[in-house]
Amino acid sequence: MKSFNIRVYGFLLDDQSRLLISDEEQAGMRFTKLPGGGLELGEGLRDALMREFEEECSLKVEVLDHVHTTDICVPSVFNDTQVISAYYLVSARQEDLNRLPTSTIPFDFGNAIDESENEDKQSFRWVSLKEFNEEQLTFEIDRLGWRAFKKLFPNDVDESQG
């Protein structure tokens, strides 16, 4: 591995106890993850997370609590880097969440916020915390973040789910 790839992601819940997840297509690969992205040079984790939510969702979020940071070696599936991810609980105003274009169908890019010229695609959907299963997340690194979230907020999550 040539370098580190530092990522930051947010657990964003609405007033119906639903989690916002992101369905993406990049480099011909489809995956589901939490909203967020890469840290830029000179940026702190919280600032990066707020920027990523603004860029991806047009949402201003408040970063509330740290949930998890990767503590194992995880090679990137996209390049020759080691991924380190930090996960936070974030909040946004409900009226802003109500305006967010979402779908109920995975990988429904018809409502994508950014239809840029490159072939990367992204759409968002809400999933009930009571029905969410870690298998819905593509990458093991995100599943570790989800497990940490469940430990911190056990009353919000149905423990019969993954």
C-alpha atoms as a PDB file:
ATOM      1  CA  MET A   1       0.000   0.000   0.000  1.00  0.00           C
ATOM      2  CA  LYS A   2       1.296   3.395  -0.964  1.00  0.00           C
ATOM      3  CA  SER A   3      -0.506   5.721   1.452  1.00  0.00           C
ATOM      4  CA  PHE A   4      -3.441   6.265   3.777  1.00  0.00           C
ATOM      5  CA  ASN A   5      -6.923   7.136   2.591  1.00  0.00           C
ATOM      6  CA  ILE A   6      -8.799   8.858   5.426  1.00  0.00           C
ATOM      7  CA  ARG A   7     -12.582   8.797   5.167  1.00  0.00           C
ATOM      8  CA  VAL A   8     -15.342  10.188   7.366  1.00  0.00           C
ATOM      9  CA  TYR A   9     -19.005   9.135   7.447  1.00  0.00           C
ATOM     10  CA  GLY A  10     -22.164  10.145   9.271  1.00  0.00           C
ATOM     11  CA  PHE A  11     -25.072   8.358  10.870  1.00  0.00           C
ATOM     12  CA  LEU A  12     -27.957  10.718  10.083  1.00  0.00           C
ATOM     13  CA  LEU A  13     -31.379   9.884  11.525  1.00  0.00           C
ATOM     14  CA  ASP A  14     -34.701  11.538  10.812  1.00  0.00           C
ATOM     15  CA  ASP A  15     -37.680  12.029  13.144  1.00  0.00           C
ATOM     16  CA  GLN A  16     -39.027   8.590  12.163  1.00  0.00           C
ATOM     17  CA  SER A  17     -35.891   6.760  13.385  1.00  0.00           C
ATOM     18  CA  ARG A  18     -34.705   6.105   9.852  1.00  0.00           C
ATOM     19  CA  LEU A  19     -31.063   6.035   8.779  1.00  0.00           C
ATOM     20  CA  LEU A  20     -29.911   7.788   5.606  1.00  0.00           C
ATOM     21  CA  ILE A  21     -27.814   5.551   3.375  1.00  0.00           C
ATOM     22  CA  SER A  22     -26.127   6.190   0.052  1.00  0.00           C
ATOM     23  CA  ASP A  23     -26.270   3.932  -2.991  1.00  0.00           C
ATOM     24  CA  GLU A  24     -23.406   4.651  -5.376  1.00  0.00           C
ATOM     25  CA  GLU A  25     -21.905   3.491  -8.628  1.00  0.00           C
ATOM     26  CA  GLN A  26     -18.240   4.274  -9.162  1.00  0.00           C
ATOM     27  CA  ALA A  27     -15.685   2.742 -11.506  1.00  0.00           C
ATOM     28  CA  GLY A  28     -18.318   0.235 -12.607  1.00  0.00           C
ATOM     29  CA  MET A  29     -18.909  -0.991  -9.031  1.00  0.00           C
ATOM     30  CA  ARG A  30     -22.167  -0.595  -7.100  1.00  0.00           C
ATOM     31  CA  PHE A  31     -22.051  -0.210  -3.343  1.00  0.00           C
ATOM     32  CA  THR A  32     -24.103   0.991  -0.385  1.00  0.00           C
ATOM     33  CA  LYS A  33     -22.567   3.027   2.414  1.00  0.00           C
ATOM     34  CA  LEU A  34     -23.239   5.880   4.781  1.00  0.00           C
ATOM     35  CA  PRO A  35     -23.027   9.450   3.452  1.00  0.00           C
ATOM     36  CA  GLY A  36     -19.543  10.920   3.647  1.00  0.00           C
ATOM     37  CA  GLY A  37     -16.238  10.796   1.876  1.00  0.00           C
ATOM     38  CA  GLY A  38     -12.583  11.653   1.884  1.00  0.00           C
ATOM     39  CA  LEU A  39     -10.629  14.024   4.057  1.00  0.00           C
ATOM     40  CA  GLU A  40      -8.848  16.785   2.170  1.00  0.00           C
ATOM     41  CA  LEU A  41      -5.406  18.056   3.126  1.00  0.00           C
ATOM     42  CA  GLY A  42      -5.603  20.729   5.831  1.00  0.00           C
ATOM     43  CA  GLU A  43      -9.086  19.648   6.930  1.00  0.00           C
ATOM     44  CA  GLY A  44     -10.269  18.211  10.236  1.00  0.00           C
ATOM     45  CA  LEU A  45     -12.578  15.189  10.416  1.00  0.00           C
ATOM     46  CA  ARG A  46     -15.634  17.146  11.547  1.00  0.00           C
ATOM     47  CA  ASP A  47     -15.097  19.850   8.929  1.00  0.00           C
ATOM     48  CA  ALA A  48     -14.673  17.191   6.240  1.00  0.00           C
ATOM     49  CA  LEU A  49     -17.909  15.494   7.272  1.00  0.00           C
ATOM     50  CA  MET A  50     -19.855  18.750   7.190  1.00  0.00           C
ATOM     51  CA  ARG A  51     -18.378  19.546   3.746  1.00  0.00           C
ATOM     52  CA  GLU A  52     -19.219  16.079   2.412  1.00  0.00           C
ATOM     53  CA  PHE A  53     -22.865  16.344   3.530  1.00  0.00           C
ATOM     54  CA  GLU A  54     -23.084  19.790   1.942  1.00  0.00           C
ATOM     55  CA  GLU A  55     -21.566  18.519  -1.330  1.00  0.00           C
ATOM     56  CA  GLU A  56     -23.432  15.212  -1.538  1.00  0.00           C
ATOM     57  CA  CYS A  57     -26.809  16.056  -0.013  1.00  0.00           C
ATOM     58  CA  SER A  58     -26.973  19.867   0.045  1.00  0.00           C
ATOM     59  CA  LEU A  59     -27.471  19.489   3.809  1.00  0.00           C
ATOM     60  CA  LYS A  60     -25.951  21.456   6.633  1.00  0.00           C
ATOM     61  CA  VAL A  61     -25.292  18.987   9.439  1.00  0.00           C
ATOM     62  CA  GLU A  62     -24.148  19.312  13.003  1.00  0.00           C
ATOM     63  CA  VAL A  63     -21.586  16.737  14.076  1.00  0.00           C
ATOM     64  CA  LEU A  64     -22.717  15.398  17.445  1.00  0.00           C
ATOM     65  CA  ASP A  65     -20.805  12.363  18.714  1.00  0.00           C
ATOM     66  CA  HIS A  66     -17.900  10.222  17.605  1.00  0.00           C
ATOM     67  CA  VAL A  67     -19.083   6.644  17.035  1.00  0.00           C
ATOM     68  CA  HIS A  68     -16.088   4.691  15.731  1.00  0.00           C
ATOM     69  CA  THR A  69     -12.682   4.924  14.081  1.00  0.00           C
ATOM     70  CA  THR A  70     -11.123   2.058  12.165  1.00  0.00           C
ATOM     71  CA  ASP A  71      -8.546   0.213  14.268  1.00  0.00           C
ATOM     72  CA  ILE A  72      -7.578  -2.536  11.830  1.00  0.00           C
ATOM     73  CA  CYS A  73      -5.746  -2.516   8.497  1.00  0.00           C
ATOM     74  CA  VAL A  74      -8.254  -2.216   5.637  1.00  0.00           C
ATOM     75  CA  PRO A  75      -6.969  -2.131   2.044  1.00  0.00           C
ATOM     76  CA  SER A  76      -9.029  -0.028  -0.372  1.00  0.00           C
ATOM     77  CA  VAL A  77     -10.978  -1.867  -3.060  1.00  0.00           C
ATOM     78  CA  PHE A  78     -10.422   1.082  -5.424  1.00  0.00           C
ATOM     79  CA  ASN A  79      -6.669   1.742  -5.205  1.00  0.00           C
ATOM     80  CA  ASP A  80      -3.416   0.839  -3.452  1.00  0.00           C
ATOM     81  CA  THR A  81      -4.154   2.620  -0.156  1.00  0.00           C
ATOM     82  CA  GLN A  82      -5.003   1.723   3.419  1.00  0.00           C
ATOM     83  CA  VAL A  83      -8.416   3.071   4.431  1.00  0.00           C
ATOM     84  CA  ILE A  84      -8.999   4.642   7.820  1.00  0.00           C
ATOM     85  CA  SER A  85     -12.613   5.640   8.469  1.00  0.00           C
ATOM     86  CA  ALA A  86     -14.159   7.713  11.235  1.00  0.00           C
ATOM     87  CA  TYR A  87     -17.889   7.584  11.943  1.00  0.00           C
ATOM     88  CA  TYR A  88     -19.971  10.230  13.687  1.00  0.00           C
ATOM     89  CA  LEU A  89     -23.574  10.774  14.680  1.00  0.00           C
ATOM     90  CA  VAL A  90     -24.826  13.885  12.876  1.00  0.00           C
ATOM     91  CA  SER A  91     -28.071  15.836  12.842  1.00  0.00           C
ATOM     92  CA  ALA A  92     -29.841  18.173  10.458  1.00  0.00           C
ATOM     93  CA  ARG A  93     -33.026  20.189  10.617  1.00  0.00           C
ATOM     94  CA  GLN A  94     -36.041  18.024   9.825  1.00  0.00           C
ATOM     95  CA  GLU A  95     -37.374  20.550   7.315  1.00  0.00           C
ATOM     96  CA  ASP A  96     -34.078  20.240   5.394  1.00  0.00           C
ATOM     97  CA  LEU A  97     -34.304  16.441   5.534  1.00  0.00           C
ATOM     98  CA  ASN A  98     -37.822  16.611   4.105  1.00  0.00           C
ATOM     99  CA  ARG A  99     -36.441  18.389   1.011  1.00  0.00           C
ATOM    100  CA  LEU A 100     -33.714  15.795   0.374  1.00  0.00           C
ATOM    101  CA  PRO A 101     -34.435  13.811  -2.811  1.00  0.00           C
ATOM    102  CA  THR A 102     -34.583  10.154  -1.794  1.00  0.00           C
ATOM    103  CA  SER A 103     -35.838   6.883  -3.182  1.00  0.00           C
ATOM    104  CA  THR A 104     -37.269   3.725  -1.696  1.00  0.00           C
ATOM    105  CA  ILE A 105     -35.502   1.654  -4.339  1.00  0.00           C
ATOM    106  CA  PRO A 106     -31.779   0.805  -4.076  1.00  0.00           C
ATOM    107  CA  PHE A 107     -29.654   2.340  -6.839  1.00  0.00           C
ATOM    108  CA  ASP A 108     -32.463   4.524  -8.176  1.00  0.00           C
ATOM    109  CA  PHE A 109     -30.322   7.165  -9.840  1.00  0.00           C
ATOM    110  CA  GLY A 110     -33.308   9.006 -11.306  1.00  0.00           C
ATOM    111  CA  ASN A 111     -33.351  11.208  -8.189  1.00  0.00           C
ATOM    112  CA  ALA A 112     -29.581  11.643  -8.057  1.00  0.00           C
ATOM    113  CA  ILE A 113     -28.515  15.037  -6.774  1.00  0.00           C
ATOM    114  CA  ASP A 114     -25.381  15.315  -8.907  1.00  0.00           C
ATOM    115  CA  GLU A 115     -25.639  14.081 -12.468  1.00  0.00           C
ATOM    116  CA  SER A 116     -22.108  15.178 -13.320  1.00  0.00           C
ATOM    117  CA  GLU A 117     -20.327  14.395 -16.562  1.00  0.00           C
ATOM    118  CA  ASN A 118     -18.359  11.524 -15.072  1.00  0.00           C
ATOM    119  CA  GLU A 119     -19.986   8.158 -14.674  1.00  0.00           C
ATOM    120  CA  ASP A 120     -20.147   8.212 -10.869  1.00  0.00           C
ATOM    121  CA  LYS A 121     -23.732   8.082  -9.590  1.00  0.00           C
ATOM    122  CA  GLN A 122     -25.271   8.475  -6.155  1.00  0.00           C
ATOM    123  CA  SER A 123     -28.755   8.298  -4.665  1.00  0.00           C
ATOM    124  CA  PHE A 124     -30.057   8.312  -1.103  1.00  0.00           C
ATOM    125  CA  ARG A 125     -32.712   6.381   0.748  1.00  0.00           C
ATOM    126  CA  TRP A 126     -34.059   6.138   4.269  1.00  0.00           C
ATOM    127  CA  VAL A 127     -34.076   2.777   6.049  1.00  0.00           C
ATOM    128  CA  SER A 128     -35.805   2.171   9.371  1.00  0.00           C
ATOM    129  CA  LEU A 129     -33.320   1.492  12.170  1.00  0.00           C
ATOM    130  CA  LYS A 130     -35.580  -1.364  13.265  1.00  0.00           C
ATOM    131  CA  GLU A 131     -35.244  -2.993   9.828  1.00  0.00           C
ATOM    132  CA  PHE A 132     -31.687  -2.081   8.916  1.00  0.00           C
ATOM    133  CA  ASN A 133     -29.248  -4.968   8.591  1.00  0.00           C
ATOM    134  CA  GLU A 134     -25.460  -4.598   8.372  1.00  0.00           C
ATOM    135  CA  GLU A 135     -25.489  -6.801   5.272  1.00  0.00           C
ATOM    136  CA  GLN A 136     -27.047  -3.838   3.455  1.00  0.00           C
ATOM    137  CA  LEU A 137     -23.658  -2.109   3.729  1.00  0.00           C
ATOM    138  CA  THR A 138     -21.214  -3.239   1.055  1.00  0.00           C
ATOM    139  CA  PHE A 139     -17.928  -2.782   2.869  1.00  0.00           C
ATOM    140  CA  GLU A 140     -16.808  -4.543   6.052  1.00  0.00           C
ATOM    141  CA  ILE A 141     -15.275  -1.304   7.316  1.00  0.00           C
ATOM    142  CA  ASP A 142     -18.765   0.266   7.359  1.00  0.00           C
ATOM    143  CA  ARG A 143     -20.215  -2.794   9.069  1.00  0.00           C
ATOM    144  CA  LEU A 144     -17.710  -2.264  11.888  1.00  0.00           C
ATOM    145  CA  GLY A 145     -18.969   1.316  12.194  1.00  0.00           C
ATOM    146  CA  TRP A 146     -22.561   0.036  12.293  1.00  0.00           C
ATOM    147  CA  ARG A 147     -21.714  -2.436  15.070  1.00  0.00           C
ATOM    148  CA  ALA A 148     -20.202   0.405  17.110  1.00  0.00           C
ATOM    149  CA  PHE A 149     -23.337   2.490  16.499  1.00  0.00           C
ATOM    150  CA  LYS A 150     -25.532  -0.370  17.761  1.00  0.00           C
ATOM    151  CA  LYS A 151     -23.491  -0.598  20.963  1.00  0.00           C
ATOM    152  CA  LEU A 152     -23.829   3.144  21.612  1.00  0.00           C
ATOM    153  CA  PHE A 153     -27.545   3.328  20.753  1.00  0.00           C
ATOM    154  CA  PRO A 154     -28.972  -0.131  21.561  1.00  0.00           C
ATOM    155  CA  ASN A 155     -32.486   1.155  22.313  1.00  0.00           C
ATOM    156  CA  ASP A 156     -32.802   2.541  18.783  1.00  0.00           C
ATOM    157  CA  VAL A 157     -31.854  -0.673  16.995  1.00  0.00           C
ATOM    158  CA  ASP A 158     -33.691  -3.984  16.851  1.00  0.00           C
ATOM    159  CA  GLU A 159     -31.049  -6.419  18.142  1.00  0.00           C
ATOM    160  CA  SER A 160     -32.538  -9.240  16.076  1.00  0.00           C
ATOM    161  CA  GLN A 161     -31.173  -7.468  12.990  1.00  0.00           C
ATOM    162  CA  GLY A 162     -27.561  -7.714  11.851  1.00  0.00           C
END
